Protein backbone atom coordinates (compact mmCIF):
# COMPACT_ATOMS: atom_id res chain seq x y z
CA UNK A 1 -57.86 38.68 15.39
CA UNK A 2 -60.52 38.73 18.13
CA UNK A 3 -59.68 36.01 20.64
CA UNK A 4 -63.34 34.98 20.66
CA UNK A 5 -62.99 33.87 17.06
CA UNK A 6 -59.66 32.13 17.38
CA UNK A 7 -60.49 28.48 18.19
CA UNK A 8 -62.95 27.86 15.41
CA UNK A 9 -61.27 30.15 12.92
CA UNK A 10 -57.94 28.40 13.35
CA UNK A 11 -59.51 24.99 12.99
CA UNK A 12 -61.51 25.84 9.89
CA UNK A 13 -58.62 27.63 8.21
CA UNK A 14 -56.32 24.71 8.95
CA UNK A 15 -58.86 22.24 7.59
CA UNK A 16 -59.31 24.28 4.44
CA UNK A 17 -55.56 24.70 3.98
CA UNK A 18 -54.79 21.00 4.46
CA UNK A 19 -57.81 19.41 2.82
CA UNK A 20 -55.70 18.02 -0.01
CA UNK A 21 -53.26 16.39 2.38
CA UNK A 22 -55.80 14.41 4.39
CA UNK A 23 -55.64 10.61 4.07
CA UNK A 24 -57.30 9.39 0.92
CA UNK A 25 -60.70 7.85 1.77
CA UNK A 26 -61.03 4.11 1.38
CA UNK A 27 -64.13 2.03 0.65
CA UNK A 28 -63.38 -0.10 3.70
CA UNK A 29 -61.50 0.68 6.85
CA UNK A 30 -59.82 -2.68 7.38
CA UNK A 31 -56.57 -1.71 5.70
CA UNK A 32 -54.01 0.95 6.49
CA UNK A 33 -54.69 4.49 5.36
CA UNK A 34 -51.74 5.89 3.43
CA UNK A 35 -51.04 9.60 3.21
CA UNK A 36 -50.87 11.20 -0.21
CA UNK A 37 -47.07 11.24 -0.54
CA UNK A 38 -44.54 10.28 -3.22
CA UNK A 39 -43.70 6.57 -3.13
CA UNK A 40 -40.11 7.23 -2.07
CA UNK A 41 -41.33 9.14 0.98
CA UNK A 42 -43.09 6.01 2.25
CA UNK A 43 -39.97 3.86 2.28
CA UNK A 44 -39.41 2.29 5.70
CA UNK A 45 -42.48 4.05 7.08
CA UNK A 46 -45.54 2.36 8.61
CA UNK A 47 -48.81 3.88 7.44
CA UNK A 48 -51.13 4.86 10.28
CA UNK A 49 -53.86 2.29 10.84
CA UNK A 50 -57.48 3.34 10.93
CA UNK A 51 -58.81 3.59 14.48
CA UNK A 52 -62.43 3.17 13.38
CA UNK A 53 -64.28 0.14 14.73
CA UNK A 54 -65.20 -2.80 12.53
CA UNK A 55 -68.84 -1.68 12.45
CA UNK A 56 -67.93 1.64 10.81
CA UNK A 57 -68.15 1.73 7.02
CA UNK A 58 -67.88 4.21 4.17
CA UNK A 59 -71.17 4.53 2.30
CA UNK A 60 -69.44 6.42 -0.51
CA UNK A 61 -66.40 8.58 -1.00
CA UNK A 62 -68.30 10.74 -3.50
CA UNK A 63 -71.91 10.80 -2.33
CA UNK A 64 -73.80 13.31 -4.49
CA UNK A 65 -74.84 16.64 -2.94
CA UNK A 66 -76.98 18.05 -5.76
CA UNK A 67 -78.05 21.08 -3.75
CA UNK A 68 -74.41 22.20 -3.52
CA UNK A 69 -73.15 20.79 -6.84
CA UNK A 70 -70.63 18.79 -4.85
CA UNK A 71 -69.85 15.33 -3.49
CA UNK A 72 -68.74 14.17 -0.08
CA UNK A 73 -67.50 11.14 1.83
CA UNK A 74 -70.22 9.70 4.08
CA UNK A 75 -69.43 7.46 7.06
CA UNK A 76 -71.85 4.98 8.62
CA UNK A 77 -71.87 3.36 12.06
CA UNK A 78 -74.22 0.39 12.55
CA UNK A 79 -75.01 -0.93 16.05
CA UNK A 80 -73.20 -4.15 17.03
CA UNK A 81 -76.40 -6.20 16.78
CA UNK A 82 -77.63 -4.69 13.51
CA UNK A 83 -76.85 -7.79 11.39
CA UNK A 84 -78.33 -10.23 13.90
CA UNK A 85 -81.71 -8.58 14.46
CA UNK A 86 -84.59 -7.14 12.45
CA UNK A 87 -85.03 -4.15 14.79
CA UNK A 88 -85.15 -0.56 13.69
CA UNK A 89 -82.86 2.06 15.19
CA UNK A 90 -82.72 5.78 15.94
CA UNK A 91 -80.35 7.80 13.76
CA UNK A 92 -77.86 10.56 14.57
CA UNK A 93 -76.39 12.78 11.83
CA UNK A 94 -73.00 14.30 12.71
CA UNK A 95 -70.93 16.98 10.96
CA UNK A 96 -67.15 17.07 10.38
CA UNK A 97 -67.21 13.36 9.61
CA UNK A 98 -63.40 13.17 9.42
CA UNK A 99 -63.30 13.67 13.20
CA UNK A 100 -66.09 11.36 14.31
CA UNK A 101 -64.66 7.81 14.16
CA UNK A 102 -61.06 7.77 12.96
CA UNK A 103 -57.98 9.49 14.38
CA UNK A 104 -56.06 9.05 11.12
CA UNK A 105 -58.49 11.28 9.20
CA UNK A 106 -59.22 13.74 11.99
CA UNK A 107 -58.11 17.35 12.38
CA UNK A 108 -56.78 16.97 15.92
CA UNK A 109 -58.12 13.72 17.36
CA UNK A 110 -61.44 11.92 17.06
CA UNK A 111 -64.76 11.98 18.90
CA UNK A 112 -64.61 8.19 19.23
CA UNK A 113 -68.38 7.93 18.76
CA UNK A 114 -68.14 4.31 17.62
CA UNK A 115 -66.11 3.31 20.68
CA UNK A 116 -68.50 5.08 23.06
CA UNK A 117 -71.60 3.51 21.52
CA UNK A 118 -70.03 0.04 21.40
CA UNK A 119 -69.10 0.36 25.06
CA UNK A 120 -72.58 1.52 26.04
CA UNK A 121 -74.07 -1.42 24.15
CA UNK A 122 -71.67 -3.94 25.71
CA UNK A 123 -72.45 -2.68 29.22
CA UNK A 124 -76.22 -2.75 28.68
CA UNK A 125 -76.56 1.02 29.00
CA UNK A 126 -77.98 1.61 25.50
CA UNK A 127 -81.32 -0.20 25.14
CA UNK A 128 -81.98 0.86 21.54
CA UNK A 129 -78.64 1.31 19.82
CA UNK A 130 -78.23 3.98 17.18
CA UNK A 131 -77.20 4.35 13.56
CA UNK A 132 -74.73 7.22 13.11
CA UNK A 133 -74.22 8.98 9.79
CA UNK A 134 -71.22 11.30 9.59
CA UNK A 135 -70.71 13.76 6.74
CA UNK A 136 -67.20 15.02 5.97
CA UNK A 137 -66.71 18.75 5.88
CA UNK A 138 -65.54 20.29 2.61
CA UNK A 139 -63.23 23.11 1.54
CA UNK A 140 -66.03 25.64 2.13
CA UNK A 141 -66.77 24.69 5.73
CA UNK A 142 -67.77 28.20 6.83
CA UNK A 143 -70.08 28.50 3.84
CA UNK A 144 -71.88 25.19 4.32
CA UNK A 145 -72.20 25.39 8.10
CA UNK A 146 -73.95 28.77 8.26
CA UNK A 147 -77.13 29.88 6.48
CA UNK A 148 -76.10 33.48 7.09
CA UNK A 149 -73.18 35.45 5.76
CA UNK A 150 -70.46 36.76 8.04
CA UNK A 151 -68.73 39.84 6.66
CA UNK A 152 -65.27 38.57 7.60
CA UNK A 153 -65.58 34.84 6.96
CA UNK A 154 -68.35 34.24 4.40
CA UNK A 155 -71.11 31.71 4.89
CA UNK A 156 -74.58 31.62 3.39
CA UNK A 157 -74.87 28.04 2.06
CA UNK A 158 -76.23 26.50 5.26
CA UNK A 159 -79.79 26.24 3.94
CA UNK A 160 -78.55 24.29 0.93
CA UNK A 161 -76.56 22.02 3.23
CA UNK A 162 -79.63 21.37 5.40
CA UNK A 163 -81.62 20.75 2.22
CA UNK A 164 -79.06 18.08 1.33
CA UNK A 165 -79.45 16.40 4.71
CA UNK A 166 -83.25 16.49 4.63
CA UNK A 167 -84.00 15.92 0.96
CA UNK A 168 -81.15 13.69 -0.21
CA UNK A 169 -79.19 12.00 2.57
CA UNK A 170 -81.95 11.17 5.07
CA UNK A 171 -84.30 9.64 2.45
CA UNK A 172 -81.40 7.47 1.28
CA UNK A 173 -80.59 6.33 4.82
CA UNK A 174 -84.25 5.67 5.68
CA UNK A 175 -84.83 3.55 2.58
CA UNK A 176 -81.52 1.66 2.76
CA UNK A 177 -81.25 0.89 6.48
CA UNK A 178 -83.68 -0.11 9.24
CA UNK A 179 -84.27 3.29 10.80
CA UNK A 180 -86.83 4.85 13.11
CA UNK A 181 -87.44 7.91 10.91
CA UNK A 182 -89.51 10.17 13.18
CA UNK A 183 -88.19 13.35 14.81
CA UNK A 184 -88.13 11.84 18.31
CA UNK A 185 -85.61 9.27 17.06
CA UNK A 186 -83.67 11.43 14.60
CA UNK A 187 -80.94 13.71 15.88
CA UNK A 188 -78.30 16.02 14.51
CA UNK A 189 -75.07 17.12 16.13
CA UNK A 190 -71.78 18.88 15.72
CA UNK A 191 -69.15 21.03 17.33
CA UNK A 192 -68.00 24.57 16.67
CA UNK A 193 -69.35 25.55 13.22
CA UNK A 194 -70.87 22.07 13.12
CA UNK A 195 -72.70 22.97 16.32
CA UNK A 196 -74.09 26.10 14.69
CA UNK A 197 -75.51 24.24 11.70
CA UNK A 198 -76.82 21.42 13.92
CA UNK A 199 -78.73 23.90 16.09
CA UNK A 200 -80.06 25.68 13.00
CA UNK A 201 -81.15 22.43 11.31
CA UNK A 202 -83.08 21.36 14.42
CA UNK A 203 -84.76 24.77 14.57
CA UNK A 204 -85.56 24.93 10.84
CA UNK A 205 -86.67 21.31 10.48
CA UNK A 206 -88.31 20.30 13.79
CA UNK A 207 -90.40 17.62 12.06
CA UNK A 208 -87.17 15.98 10.89
CA UNK A 209 -84.60 16.55 13.66
CA UNK A 210 -86.14 16.33 17.11
CA UNK A 211 -82.81 15.95 18.94
CA UNK A 212 -79.79 18.29 18.77
CA UNK A 213 -76.30 17.72 20.21
CA UNK A 214 -74.58 21.12 20.22
CA UNK A 215 -70.97 21.23 21.43
CA UNK A 216 -68.92 24.44 21.70
CA UNK A 217 -71.13 26.16 19.12
CA UNK A 218 -69.82 28.99 16.94
CA UNK A 219 -72.85 31.19 17.60
CA UNK A 220 -70.51 34.19 17.30
CA UNK A 221 -70.53 33.64 13.53
CA UNK A 222 -74.16 34.74 13.15
CA UNK A 223 -75.49 35.62 16.61
CA UNK A 224 -78.06 38.24 15.58
CA UNK A 225 -79.42 36.19 12.68
CA UNK A 226 -79.68 33.04 14.80
CA UNK A 227 -81.61 34.69 17.62
CA UNK A 228 -83.89 36.51 15.19
CA UNK A 229 -84.62 33.20 13.50
CA UNK A 230 -85.55 31.51 16.79
CA UNK A 231 -87.85 34.36 17.78
CA UNK A 232 -89.61 34.31 14.40
CA UNK A 233 -89.70 30.49 14.12
CA UNK A 234 -90.35 29.04 17.58
CA UNK A 235 -88.87 25.62 18.23
CA UNK A 236 -91.11 22.58 18.59
CA UNK A 237 -91.90 22.09 22.30
CA UNK A 238 -91.03 18.39 22.16
CA UNK A 239 -87.55 19.03 20.70
CA UNK A 240 -84.50 18.29 22.87
CA UNK A 241 -81.30 20.34 22.89
CA UNK A 242 -78.05 19.42 24.67
CA UNK A 243 -75.55 22.29 24.95
CA UNK A 244 -72.00 21.81 26.24
CA UNK A 245 -68.80 23.83 26.11
CA UNK A 246 -65.83 24.87 28.21
CA UNK A 247 -66.28 27.96 30.32
CA UNK A 248 -63.02 29.50 29.09
CA UNK A 249 -63.21 28.71 25.36
CA UNK A 250 -64.11 32.34 24.66
CA UNK A 251 -65.69 35.27 26.44
CA UNK A 252 -68.99 34.91 24.58
CA UNK A 253 -69.58 31.18 24.13
CA UNK A 254 -71.27 30.34 27.44
CA UNK A 255 -73.33 33.57 27.55
CA UNK A 256 -74.53 32.93 23.98
CA UNK A 257 -75.48 29.34 24.79
CA UNK A 258 -77.32 30.55 27.88
CA UNK A 259 -79.10 33.22 25.84
CA UNK A 260 -80.28 30.69 23.26
CA UNK A 261 -81.49 28.41 26.02
CA UNK A 262 -83.47 31.35 27.44
CA UNK A 263 -85.02 32.12 24.05
CA UNK A 264 -85.99 28.46 23.60
CA UNK A 265 -87.60 28.43 27.04
CA UNK A 266 -89.60 31.56 26.20
CA UNK A 267 -90.62 29.96 22.89
CA UNK A 268 -92.23 27.04 24.71
CA UNK A 269 -89.53 24.37 24.93
CA UNK A 270 -89.85 22.99 28.49
CA UNK A 271 -86.85 23.18 30.78
CA UNK A 272 -86.82 19.39 31.00
CA UNK A 273 -85.98 19.28 27.28
CA UNK A 274 -82.89 21.49 27.58
CA UNK A 275 -79.48 20.62 29.02
CA UNK A 276 -77.00 23.43 29.56
CA UNK A 277 -73.61 22.02 30.52
CA UNK A 278 -70.69 24.50 30.78
CA UNK A 279 -67.53 22.70 31.97
CA UNK A 280 -64.68 24.53 33.75
CA UNK A 281 -62.08 22.19 32.22
CA UNK A 282 -63.66 22.07 28.78
CA UNK A 283 -61.67 23.06 25.72
CA UNK A 284 -62.35 23.64 22.04
CA UNK A 285 -61.00 20.20 21.19
CA UNK A 286 -62.04 16.72 20.10
CA UNK A 287 -60.96 15.11 23.39
CA UNK A 288 -63.51 17.27 25.22
CA UNK A 289 -66.33 16.49 22.78
CA UNK A 290 -65.39 12.79 22.95
CA UNK A 291 -65.71 12.89 26.73
CA UNK A 292 -69.06 14.68 26.68
CA UNK A 293 -70.66 12.60 23.93
CA UNK A 294 -71.88 9.55 25.95
CA UNK A 295 -73.83 11.71 28.41
CA UNK A 296 -75.32 13.84 25.64
CA UNK A 297 -76.31 10.81 23.56
CA UNK A 298 -77.84 8.93 26.49
CA UNK A 299 -79.95 11.93 27.50
CA UNK A 300 -81.07 12.85 23.98
CA UNK A 301 -82.22 9.32 23.13
CA UNK A 302 -83.48 8.26 26.56
CA UNK A 303 -87.09 8.11 25.37
CA UNK A 304 -86.31 6.15 22.19
CA UNK A 305 -86.80 2.82 23.96
CA UNK A 306 -90.50 3.63 24.55
CA UNK A 307 -91.20 4.47 20.89
CA UNK A 308 -92.64 1.74 18.71
CA UNK A 309 -90.55 1.35 15.57
CA UNK A 310 -92.58 1.24 12.39
CA UNK A 311 -91.26 1.00 8.83
CA UNK A 312 -91.99 3.77 6.36
CA UNK A 313 -94.92 2.64 4.25
CA UNK A 314 -95.31 3.60 0.59
CA UNK A 315 -98.23 5.89 -0.14
CA UNK A 316 -100.10 5.07 -3.36
CA UNK A 317 -100.78 8.46 -4.94
CA UNK A 318 -101.90 9.55 -8.39
CA UNK A 319 -100.94 12.95 -9.80
CA UNK A 320 -102.01 14.19 -13.20
CA UNK A 321 -102.02 15.48 -15.90
CA UNK A 322 -98.59 14.45 -17.11
CA UNK A 323 -96.99 16.68 -18.14
CA UNK A 324 -98.62 19.46 -16.14
CA UNK A 325 -99.03 22.98 -17.50
CA UNK A 326 -100.59 25.06 -14.72
CA UNK A 327 -102.24 22.68 -12.24
CA UNK A 328 -101.48 19.30 -10.74
CA UNK A 329 -104.37 17.22 -9.40
CA UNK A 330 -103.63 14.95 -6.44
CA UNK A 331 -105.64 11.77 -5.81
CA UNK A 332 -105.08 10.22 -2.37
CA UNK A 333 -106.16 6.70 -1.34
CA UNK A 334 -109.01 6.47 1.17
CA UNK A 335 -106.71 4.93 3.79
CA UNK A 336 -104.65 8.10 4.12
CA UNK A 337 -107.17 10.34 5.81
CA UNK A 338 -108.34 13.81 4.85
CA UNK A 339 -105.01 15.45 4.03
CA UNK A 340 -101.33 14.88 3.26
CA UNK A 341 -98.26 17.12 3.18
CA UNK A 342 -96.92 17.83 -0.33
CA UNK A 343 -93.35 18.94 -0.99
CA UNK A 344 -92.09 19.61 -4.53
CA UNK A 345 -88.34 19.73 -5.18
CA UNK A 346 -86.38 20.62 -8.30
CA UNK A 347 -83.60 18.51 -9.83
CA UNK A 348 -81.04 20.06 -7.49
CA UNK A 349 -83.09 18.92 -4.50
CA UNK A 350 -84.22 22.44 -3.59
CA UNK A 351 -87.76 22.67 -2.19
CA UNK A 352 -89.81 24.97 -4.42
CA UNK A 353 -93.32 24.38 -3.09
CA UNK A 354 -94.97 23.08 0.09
CA UNK A 355 -98.70 22.60 0.61
CA UNK A 356 -101.24 20.67 2.66
CA UNK A 357 -103.44 18.84 0.14
CA UNK A 358 -106.75 16.93 0.17
CA UNK A 359 -107.90 14.16 -2.11
CA UNK A 360 -108.95 15.64 -5.46
CA UNK A 361 -107.29 18.99 -4.78
CA UNK A 362 -105.47 20.86 -7.55
CA UNK A 363 -102.12 22.46 -6.82
CA UNK A 364 -101.02 25.57 -8.70
CA UNK A 365 -97.67 24.84 -10.40
CA UNK A 366 -97.92 27.60 -12.99
CA UNK A 367 -95.04 29.56 -11.48
CA UNK A 368 -92.60 26.65 -11.70
CA UNK A 369 -90.08 26.69 -14.52
CA UNK A 370 -90.35 23.96 -17.13
CA UNK A 371 -88.56 20.78 -16.11
CA UNK A 372 -88.71 17.59 -14.07
CA UNK A 373 -89.67 17.76 -10.37
CA UNK A 374 -89.93 15.35 -7.45
CA UNK A 375 -93.17 15.34 -5.48
CA UNK A 376 -93.04 13.91 -1.95
CA UNK A 377 -96.34 13.32 -0.14
CA UNK A 378 -96.33 12.38 3.54
CA UNK A 379 -99.27 11.25 5.65
CA UNK A 380 -98.30 9.91 9.06
CA UNK A 381 -95.79 7.10 8.50
CA UNK A 382 -96.68 6.71 4.81
CA UNK A 383 -94.58 8.39 2.12
CA UNK A 384 -94.79 8.73 -1.64
CA UNK A 385 -91.96 9.91 -3.92
CA UNK A 386 -92.92 10.52 -7.54
CA UNK A 387 -91.75 12.60 -10.45
CA UNK A 388 -93.71 14.85 -12.73
CA UNK A 389 -92.90 17.08 -15.65
CA UNK A 390 -93.85 20.75 -15.81
CA UNK A 391 -94.38 22.11 -19.30
């Protein structure tokens, strides 16, 4: 096997091979986590205790991922002062959730994100705090973490995974918790394959993810496709990207990170919005990503303290006829302004139509298959989520 592929390939294959032997997820983290072993094997043994902080919780062990016909465990970190204030907070979405907070569920150690953020808060170095949402990887990690297929390792479900984050998970988080939902206060991050999908999500959805934490990225998995995508879909100039890796992780990792940084610069992202941090002692390992996280987080969210937090307001919209045969008429309230952004999703959460609409405009839905759809209209900080039926 090519040595450039070894670190991430070994990790992913090991995760896939041992997925069934990971500690069973619990609804709370206050009790010991017991490995899935016969009862007699546990005699006279002490189960490993969770290392997650008290302000880390499990949202669900089987959170629905309709875009992928799957479910997943979702972790949640709330800032230490969340319960004692009414403030809103930036949000960071991290991949490989098993490795983010808890050593007992990790592949080879944890990032310790909760400990780092708690320490920054306690020392007064984090003026805003941050909500962190961590999504476990699944048995098809290569598939979900790349939108492009690799002839040797698969892939190709990355767009569906990003659809899940944007269309299902983020709306749930924004309506359930006190978030600052704009792109300048919403980040995405990951390492290795998780770094690849984090970079792609920030490039594909710049109006959602304005901050990207990219550690030891597996750009080797789809280098040509990734660079073609960036050239054809320039990044938003106000996006921020933080790249870090070890200089000896592979022959290609640092050059590929540098090349992507160059492409982003040429696409209009200012140099001040890009950090390129190759470390001579860095390794493809959780201890390295744990060490680098505080600096990356502090830089990515440095401007969050100057942003005024506003709740998401509900947009009163009328759409008819119901059911619709060929056209859907949209009536916007006068307070919205001249236009709003319409997104129509099917029952699996897949976006099937996007359009900029005006009050009284008809939208052609004749090409949609019969069924029930969700229509999301966004105008500034106001949002409407409604359903309609297509005949």
